[in-house]
Amino acid sequence: MAALSDDTAVAGSGGGYLSNEVAYRALKLRERLGASFAVGHVHTPRVDGYDADAERAMVAQIRNVVAAAVAAT
């Protein structure tokens, strides 16, 4: 397997940032489907190794964000 160039995704319509690419593709899919619902993505902190408590905290926070977004619509 060939080594990745600097271990960074640098190609794609979102430029050199994976989160931009995710957002761009989600918006384009919504547009292509003619949907009117909101789309987005959630940034999570960099994780080095597995930490069950940190994972539970992140999942709980994401659930709260999604619940708040749904309640606001």
N, C-alpha and C. Protein backbone atom coordinates (compact mmCIF):
# COMPACT_ATOMS: atom_id res chain seq x y z
N MET A 1 0.84 -1.19 0.00
CA MET A 1 0.00 0.00 0.00
C MET A 1 0.88 1.24 0.00
N ALA A 2 0.59 2.17 -0.89
CA ALA A 2 1.38 3.39 -0.99
C ALA A 2 1.11 4.31 0.20
N ALA A 3 2.13 4.99 0.63
CA ALA A 3 1.98 5.94 1.74
C ALA A 3 1.14 7.13 1.29
N LEU A 4 0.36 7.66 2.20
CA LEU A 4 -0.44 8.85 1.89
C LEU A 4 0.45 10.08 1.96
N SER A 5 0.25 11.00 1.06
CA SER A 5 1.02 12.23 1.05
C SER A 5 0.67 13.09 2.25
N ASP A 6 1.53 13.14 3.22
CA ASP A 6 1.34 13.93 4.45
C ASP A 6 0.10 13.54 5.25
N ASP A 7 -0.49 12.39 4.99
CA ASP A 7 -1.66 11.90 5.73
C ASP A 7 -2.81 12.91 5.76
N THR A 8 -2.94 13.73 4.74
CA THR A 8 -3.99 14.75 4.72
C THR A 8 -4.77 14.66 3.42
N ALA A 9 -6.10 14.72 3.53
CA ALA A 9 -6.94 14.75 2.33
C ALA A 9 -6.82 16.14 1.72
N VAL A 10 -6.36 16.22 0.48
CA VAL A 10 -6.18 17.52 -0.14
C VAL A 10 -6.91 17.66 -1.46
N ALA A 11 -7.60 16.62 -1.88
CA ALA A 11 -8.30 16.70 -3.16
C ALA A 11 -9.80 16.69 -2.92
N GLY A 12 -10.51 17.41 -3.74
CA GLY A 12 -11.96 17.41 -3.63
C GLY A 12 -12.52 18.80 -3.71
N SER A 13 -13.83 18.87 -3.86
CA SER A 13 -14.49 20.15 -4.05
C SER A 13 -14.46 21.03 -2.81
N GLY A 14 -14.23 20.44 -1.65
CA GLY A 14 -14.20 21.21 -0.41
C GLY A 14 -12.82 21.74 -0.07
N GLY A 15 -11.88 21.61 -1.00
CA GLY A 15 -10.53 22.07 -0.73
C GLY A 15 -9.77 21.06 0.11
N GLY A 16 -8.85 21.54 0.93
CA GLY A 16 -8.02 20.65 1.73
C GLY A 16 -8.59 20.27 3.07
N TYR A 17 -9.84 20.56 3.32
CA TYR A 17 -10.43 20.28 4.62
C TYR A 17 -11.56 19.27 4.47
N LEU A 18 -11.45 18.16 5.16
CA LEU A 18 -12.45 17.11 5.05
C LEU A 18 -13.83 17.60 5.48
N SER A 19 -13.91 18.43 6.52
CA SER A 19 -15.22 18.91 6.96
C SER A 19 -15.88 19.76 5.89
N ASN A 20 -15.09 20.54 5.15
CA ASN A 20 -15.66 21.31 4.04
C ASN A 20 -16.23 20.37 2.98
N GLU A 21 -15.50 19.31 2.70
CA GLU A 21 -15.94 18.34 1.70
C GLU A 21 -17.25 17.67 2.14
N VAL A 22 -17.34 17.29 3.41
CA VAL A 22 -18.56 16.67 3.94
C VAL A 22 -19.74 17.62 3.81
N ALA A 23 -19.54 18.87 4.22
CA ALA A 23 -20.62 19.86 4.15
C ALA A 23 -21.03 20.09 2.70
N TYR A 24 -20.06 20.23 1.81
CA TYR A 24 -20.36 20.48 0.40
C TYR A 24 -21.18 19.33 -0.18
N ARG A 25 -20.76 18.10 0.08
CA ARG A 25 -21.48 16.95 -0.48
C ARG A 25 -22.89 16.82 0.11
N ALA A 26 -23.04 17.11 1.39
CA ALA A 26 -24.37 17.04 2.01
C ALA A 26 -25.31 18.08 1.38
N LEU A 27 -24.80 19.29 1.18
CA LEU A 27 -25.62 20.34 0.57
C LEU A 27 -25.96 20.01 -0.88
N LYS A 28 -25.00 19.48 -1.63
CA LYS A 28 -25.27 19.11 -3.02
C LYS A 28 -26.29 17.98 -3.10
N LEU A 29 -26.23 17.02 -2.21
CA LEU A 29 -27.19 15.92 -2.20
C LEU A 29 -28.58 16.44 -1.87
N ARG A 30 -28.67 17.33 -0.89
CA ARG A 30 -29.96 17.92 -0.55
C ARG A 30 -30.54 18.65 -1.75
N GLU A 31 -29.70 19.42 -2.43
CA GLU A 31 -30.14 20.15 -3.62
C GLU A 31 -30.59 19.19 -4.72
N ARG A 32 -29.82 18.15 -4.96
CA ARG A 32 -30.14 17.20 -6.02
C ARG A 32 -31.44 16.46 -5.73
N LEU A 33 -31.72 16.19 -4.45
CA LEU A 33 -32.96 15.51 -4.07
C LEU A 33 -34.15 16.46 -3.99
N GLY A 34 -33.89 17.76 -4.04
CA GLY A 34 -34.97 18.73 -3.91
C GLY A 34 -35.54 18.77 -2.51
N ALA A 35 -34.74 18.39 -1.53
CA ALA A 35 -35.19 18.35 -0.14
C ALA A 35 -35.13 19.74 0.49
N SER A 36 -35.96 19.96 1.50
CA SER A 36 -35.98 21.25 2.17
C SER A 36 -35.49 21.17 3.62
N PHE A 37 -35.13 19.98 4.07
CA PHE A 37 -34.67 19.84 5.45
C PHE A 37 -33.24 20.36 5.61
N ALA A 38 -32.90 20.71 6.84
CA ALA A 38 -31.57 21.23 7.14
C ALA A 38 -30.54 20.10 7.12
N VAL A 39 -29.36 20.42 6.72
CA VAL A 39 -28.25 19.46 6.75
C VAL A 39 -27.07 20.12 7.46
N GLY A 40 -26.18 19.32 7.93
CA GLY A 40 -24.98 19.84 8.59
C GLY A 40 -24.07 18.71 9.00
N HIS A 41 -23.04 19.06 9.70
CA HIS A 41 -22.13 18.06 10.24
C HIS A 41 -21.60 18.55 11.57
N VAL A 42 -21.12 17.62 12.36
CA VAL A 42 -20.64 17.94 13.71
C VAL A 42 -19.14 17.70 13.76
N HIS A 43 -18.40 18.68 14.22
CA HIS A 43 -16.97 18.51 14.43
C HIS A 43 -16.75 17.82 15.77
N THR A 44 -15.88 16.85 15.80
CA THR A 44 -15.51 16.20 17.05
C THR A 44 -14.02 16.42 17.28
N PRO A 45 -13.60 16.38 18.52
CA PRO A 45 -12.17 16.58 18.79
C PRO A 45 -11.35 15.40 18.28
N ARG A 46 -10.09 15.64 18.06
CA ARG A 46 -9.17 14.57 17.67
C ARG A 46 -9.10 13.57 18.83
N VAL A 47 -9.15 12.30 18.50
CA VAL A 47 -9.12 11.26 19.52
C VAL A 47 -7.88 10.40 19.29
N ASP A 48 -7.06 10.32 20.30
CA ASP A 48 -5.88 9.45 20.26
C ASP A 48 -6.12 8.28 21.20
N GLY A 49 -6.42 7.12 20.63
CA GLY A 49 -6.71 5.96 21.46
C GLY A 49 -8.17 5.95 21.88
N TYR A 50 -8.57 4.89 22.54
CA TYR A 50 -9.96 4.74 22.95
C TYR A 50 -10.13 5.17 24.40
N ASP A 51 -11.12 6.00 24.63
CA ASP A 51 -11.46 6.45 25.98
C ASP A 51 -12.98 6.38 26.09
N ALA A 52 -13.47 5.37 26.81
CA ALA A 52 -14.92 5.13 26.91
C ALA A 52 -15.66 6.34 27.47
N ASP A 53 -15.10 6.98 28.48
CA ASP A 53 -15.77 8.15 29.07
C ASP A 53 -15.85 9.31 28.07
N ALA A 54 -14.76 9.54 27.35
CA ALA A 54 -14.76 10.61 26.35
C ALA A 54 -15.75 10.30 25.24
N GLU A 55 -15.83 9.03 24.83
CA GLU A 55 -16.78 8.64 23.79
C GLU A 55 -18.22 8.88 24.25
N ARG A 56 -18.53 8.46 25.47
CA ARG A 56 -19.89 8.68 26.00
C ARG A 56 -20.22 10.16 26.06
N ALA A 57 -19.25 10.98 26.47
CA ALA A 57 -19.49 12.42 26.56
C ALA A 57 -19.74 13.02 25.18
N MET A 58 -18.95 12.60 24.18
CA MET A 58 -19.16 13.12 22.82
C MET A 58 -20.51 12.70 22.26
N VAL A 59 -20.88 11.44 22.46
CA VAL A 59 -22.17 10.95 21.96
C VAL A 59 -23.31 11.70 22.62
N ALA A 60 -23.22 11.91 23.92
CA ALA A 60 -24.27 12.64 24.64
C ALA A 60 -24.38 14.07 24.11
N GLN A 61 -23.25 14.71 23.88
CA GLN A 61 -23.28 16.09 23.37
C GLN A 61 -23.88 16.13 21.96
N ILE A 62 -23.53 15.18 21.11
CA ILE A 62 -24.08 15.15 19.76
C ILE A 62 -25.58 14.91 19.81
N ARG A 63 -26.03 14.01 20.68
CA ARG A 63 -27.48 13.78 20.83
C ARG A 63 -28.19 15.06 21.25
N ASN A 64 -27.59 15.79 22.17
CA ASN A 64 -28.20 17.04 22.62
C ASN A 64 -28.26 18.07 21.51
N VAL A 65 -27.21 18.17 20.70
CA VAL A 65 -27.19 19.11 19.57
C VAL A 65 -28.27 18.75 18.56
N VAL A 66 -28.37 17.47 18.22
CA VAL A 66 -29.37 17.03 17.25
C VAL A 66 -30.79 17.26 17.80
N ALA A 67 -31.00 16.93 19.07
CA ALA A 67 -32.32 17.14 19.68
C ALA A 67 -32.70 18.61 19.68
N ALA A 68 -31.75 19.47 19.98
CA ALA A 68 -32.03 20.91 19.96
C ALA A 68 -32.34 21.39 18.55
N ALA A 69 -31.62 20.87 17.56
CA ALA A 69 -31.88 21.26 16.17
C ALA A 69 -33.27 20.81 15.74
N VAL A 70 -33.65 19.60 16.09
CA VAL A 70 -34.97 19.09 15.73
C VAL A 70 -36.06 19.90 16.42
N ALA A 71 -35.86 20.22 17.68
CA ALA A 71 -36.85 21.00 18.43
C ALA A 71 -37.02 22.40 17.87
N ALA A 72 -35.97 22.93 17.26
CA ALA A 72 -36.01 24.30 16.73
C ALA A 72 -36.70 24.39 15.37
N THR A 73 -36.99 23.24 14.76
CA THR A 73 -37.59 23.28 13.43
C THR A 73 -39.10 23.17 13.49
